[in-house]
Amino acid sequence: MRYWEACEAQVTAAEAIEECRKHDITAVLREADGALIDKDSGEAIGLPDGYGEFYGGDVLGFLGY
């Protein structure tokens, strides 16, 4: 997948968590609102849309791309 395609993609929580794991980040879902967060810092990676998926650009931005 090209960078711009990844930025526009909607990804599942499992896909986002796996991508974070590849970058040595432990991502988990926050129970209160379903947000994807960095377990160690508590920083929010992204919020789910109405279908429970995450915006690829949020995940890539958090990872520093």
N, C-alpha and C. Protein backbone atom coordinates (compact mmCIF):
# COMPACT_ATOMS: atom_id res chain seq x y z
N MET A 1 0.84 -1.17 0.00
CA MET A 1 0.00 0.00 0.00
C MET A 1 0.89 1.24 0.00
N ARG A 2 0.56 2.19 -0.81
CA ARG A 2 1.31 3.44 -0.85
C ARG A 2 0.98 4.30 0.37
N TYR A 3 1.89 5.22 0.67
CA TYR A 3 1.71 6.07 1.85
C TYR A 3 0.38 6.80 1.83
N TRP A 4 0.05 7.45 0.72
CA TRP A 4 -1.19 8.23 0.67
C TRP A 4 -2.42 7.34 0.78
N GLU A 5 -2.32 6.10 0.29
CA GLU A 5 -3.43 5.16 0.44
C GLU A 5 -3.59 4.76 1.91
N ALA A 6 -2.46 4.55 2.56
CA ALA A 6 -2.50 4.19 3.98
C ALA A 6 -3.06 5.32 4.82
N CYS A 7 -2.75 6.55 4.46
CA CYS A 7 -3.27 7.70 5.19
C CYS A 7 -4.79 7.79 5.09
N GLU A 8 -5.33 7.45 3.94
CA GLU A 8 -6.77 7.54 3.72
C GLU A 8 -7.54 6.30 4.15
N ALA A 9 -6.84 5.23 4.46
CA ALA A 9 -7.49 3.96 4.79
C ALA A 9 -8.16 4.00 6.15
N GLN A 10 -9.21 3.22 6.27
CA GLN A 10 -9.81 2.95 7.56
C GLN A 10 -9.28 1.58 7.97
N VAL A 11 -8.81 1.45 9.21
CA VAL A 11 -8.24 0.19 9.67
C VAL A 11 -8.95 -0.27 10.93
N THR A 12 -8.95 -1.57 11.12
CA THR A 12 -9.55 -2.13 12.33
C THR A 12 -8.60 -1.91 13.51
N ALA A 13 -9.14 -2.10 14.69
CA ALA A 13 -8.30 -1.98 15.89
C ALA A 13 -7.16 -2.99 15.84
N ALA A 14 -7.46 -4.21 15.41
CA ALA A 14 -6.42 -5.24 15.35
C ALA A 14 -5.30 -4.85 14.39
N GLU A 15 -5.66 -4.28 13.24
CA GLU A 15 -4.65 -3.84 12.26
C GLU A 15 -3.80 -2.71 12.82
N ALA A 16 -4.45 -1.75 13.49
CA ALA A 16 -3.72 -0.62 14.06
C ALA A 16 -2.79 -1.08 15.19
N ILE A 17 -3.28 -1.97 16.02
CA ILE A 17 -2.47 -2.50 17.12
C ILE A 17 -1.25 -3.25 16.58
N GLU A 18 -1.45 -4.03 15.53
CA GLU A 18 -0.34 -4.77 14.92
C GLU A 18 0.69 -3.82 14.32
N GLU A 19 0.24 -2.77 13.65
CA GLU A 19 1.18 -1.81 13.06
C GLU A 19 1.98 -1.11 14.16
N CYS A 20 1.33 -0.76 15.26
CA CYS A 20 2.04 -0.14 16.38
C CYS A 20 3.05 -1.12 16.97
N ARG A 21 2.67 -2.39 17.08
CA ARG A 21 3.57 -3.41 17.63
C ARG A 21 4.85 -3.50 16.81
N LYS A 22 4.73 -3.36 15.49
CA LYS A 22 5.90 -3.41 14.61
C LYS A 22 6.87 -2.27 14.91
N HIS A 23 6.37 -1.21 15.55
CA HIS A 23 7.19 -0.06 15.91
C HIS A 23 7.46 0.00 17.41
N ASP A 24 7.33 -1.16 18.07
CA ASP A 24 7.61 -1.30 19.51
C ASP A 24 6.72 -0.42 20.38
N ILE A 25 5.49 -0.22 19.96
CA ILE A 25 4.51 0.53 20.75
C ILE A 25 3.39 -0.43 21.13
N THR A 26 3.09 -0.48 22.42
CA THR A 26 2.00 -1.33 22.89
C THR A 26 0.73 -0.50 22.88
N ALA A 27 -0.12 -0.76 21.90
CA ALA A 27 -1.38 -0.03 21.77
C ALA A 27 -2.52 -0.87 22.32
N VAL A 28 -3.43 -0.22 23.02
CA VAL A 28 -4.60 -0.89 23.58
C VAL A 28 -5.81 0.01 23.37
N LEU A 29 -7.00 -0.57 23.52
CA LEU A 29 -8.22 0.21 23.43
C LEU A 29 -8.62 0.67 24.82
N ARG A 30 -8.93 1.96 24.93
CA ARG A 30 -9.39 2.53 26.20
C ARG A 30 -10.87 2.18 26.35
N GLU A 31 -11.24 1.62 27.48
CA GLU A 31 -12.61 1.16 27.70
C GLU A 31 -13.62 2.29 27.66
N ALA A 32 -13.29 3.44 28.18
CA ALA A 32 -14.25 4.54 28.32
C ALA A 32 -14.84 5.00 26.99
N ASP A 33 -13.99 5.11 25.96
CA ASP A 33 -14.48 5.65 24.69
C ASP A 33 -14.03 4.87 23.46
N GLY A 34 -13.31 3.78 23.66
CA GLY A 34 -12.86 2.96 22.54
C GLY A 34 -11.66 3.52 21.80
N ALA A 35 -11.06 4.59 22.34
CA ALA A 35 -9.89 5.19 21.70
C ALA A 35 -8.71 4.22 21.73
N LEU A 36 -7.89 4.30 20.71
CA LEU A 36 -6.65 3.54 20.66
C LEU A 36 -5.58 4.39 21.33
N ILE A 37 -4.93 3.84 22.35
CA ILE A 37 -3.93 4.61 23.10
C ILE A 37 -2.63 3.84 23.22
N ASP A 38 -1.55 4.59 23.46
CA ASP A 38 -0.25 4.01 23.78
C ASP A 38 -0.32 3.59 25.25
N LYS A 39 -0.19 2.31 25.51
CA LYS A 39 -0.33 1.78 26.87
C LYS A 39 0.68 2.39 27.83
N ASP A 40 1.89 2.65 27.37
CA ASP A 40 2.93 3.15 28.25
C ASP A 40 2.77 4.63 28.60
N SER A 41 2.43 5.46 27.62
CA SER A 41 2.33 6.90 27.86
C SER A 41 0.91 7.37 28.11
N GLY A 42 -0.08 6.59 27.67
CA GLY A 42 -1.47 7.01 27.79
C GLY A 42 -1.91 7.96 26.69
N GLU A 43 -0.99 8.28 25.77
CA GLU A 43 -1.30 9.21 24.68
C GLU A 43 -2.27 8.56 23.70
N ALA A 44 -3.26 9.34 23.26
CA ALA A 44 -4.24 8.84 22.30
C ALA A 44 -3.62 8.75 20.92
N ILE A 45 -3.85 7.62 20.26
CA ILE A 45 -3.39 7.41 18.89
C ILE A 45 -4.50 7.78 17.93
N GLY A 46 -5.72 7.40 18.25
CA GLY A 46 -6.85 7.73 17.39
C GLY A 46 -8.17 7.35 18.04
N LEU A 47 -9.23 7.97 17.53
CA LEU A 47 -10.59 7.67 17.99
C LEU A 47 -11.30 6.87 16.92
N PRO A 48 -12.15 5.93 17.33
CA PRO A 48 -12.86 5.13 16.34
C PRO A 48 -13.97 5.93 15.65
N ASP A 49 -14.27 5.54 14.42
CA ASP A 49 -15.40 6.15 13.72
C ASP A 49 -16.68 5.42 14.15
N GLY A 50 -17.77 5.71 13.50
CA GLY A 50 -19.05 5.10 13.85
C GLY A 50 -19.10 3.60 13.64
N TYR A 51 -18.13 3.06 12.92
CA TYR A 51 -18.07 1.62 12.66
C TYR A 51 -16.99 0.93 13.48
N GLY A 52 -16.34 1.68 14.38
CA GLY A 52 -15.30 1.11 15.23
C GLY A 52 -13.95 0.99 14.56
N GLU A 53 -13.78 1.66 13.42
CA GLU A 53 -12.50 1.63 12.72
C GLU A 53 -11.75 2.93 12.94
N PHE A 54 -10.47 2.90 12.61
CA PHE A 54 -9.59 4.04 12.86
C PHE A 54 -9.05 4.60 11.55
N TYR A 55 -8.82 5.90 11.54
CA TYR A 55 -8.28 6.60 10.37
C TYR A 55 -6.79 6.29 10.28
N GLY A 56 -6.37 5.75 9.15
CA GLY A 56 -4.97 5.38 8.97
C GLY A 56 -4.01 6.53 9.18
N GLY A 57 -4.42 7.74 8.79
CA GLY A 57 -3.57 8.91 8.97
C GLY A 57 -3.25 9.19 10.43
N ASP A 58 -4.20 8.91 11.32
CA ASP A 58 -3.95 9.10 12.76
C ASP A 58 -2.86 8.14 13.25
N VAL A 59 -2.97 6.90 12.82
CA VAL A 59 -1.99 5.89 13.24
C VAL A 59 -0.61 6.23 12.68
N LEU A 60 -0.54 6.55 11.39
CA LEU A 60 0.74 6.89 10.78
C LEU A 60 1.33 8.15 11.40
N GLY A 61 0.49 9.14 11.68
CA GLY A 61 0.97 10.37 12.31
C GLY A 61 1.56 10.10 13.68
N PHE A 62 0.91 9.24 14.45
CA PHE A 62 1.42 8.89 15.77
C PHE A 62 2.77 8.19 15.66
N LEU A 63 2.92 7.38 14.62
CA LEU A 63 4.17 6.63 14.43
C LEU A 63 5.28 7.49 13.85
N GLY A 64 4.96 8.71 13.46
CA GLY A 64 5.98 9.63 12.99
C GLY A 64 6.21 9.66 11.50
N TYR A 65 5.26 9.15 10.73
CA TYR A 65 5.40 9.16 9.27
C TYR A 65 4.88 10.45 8.69
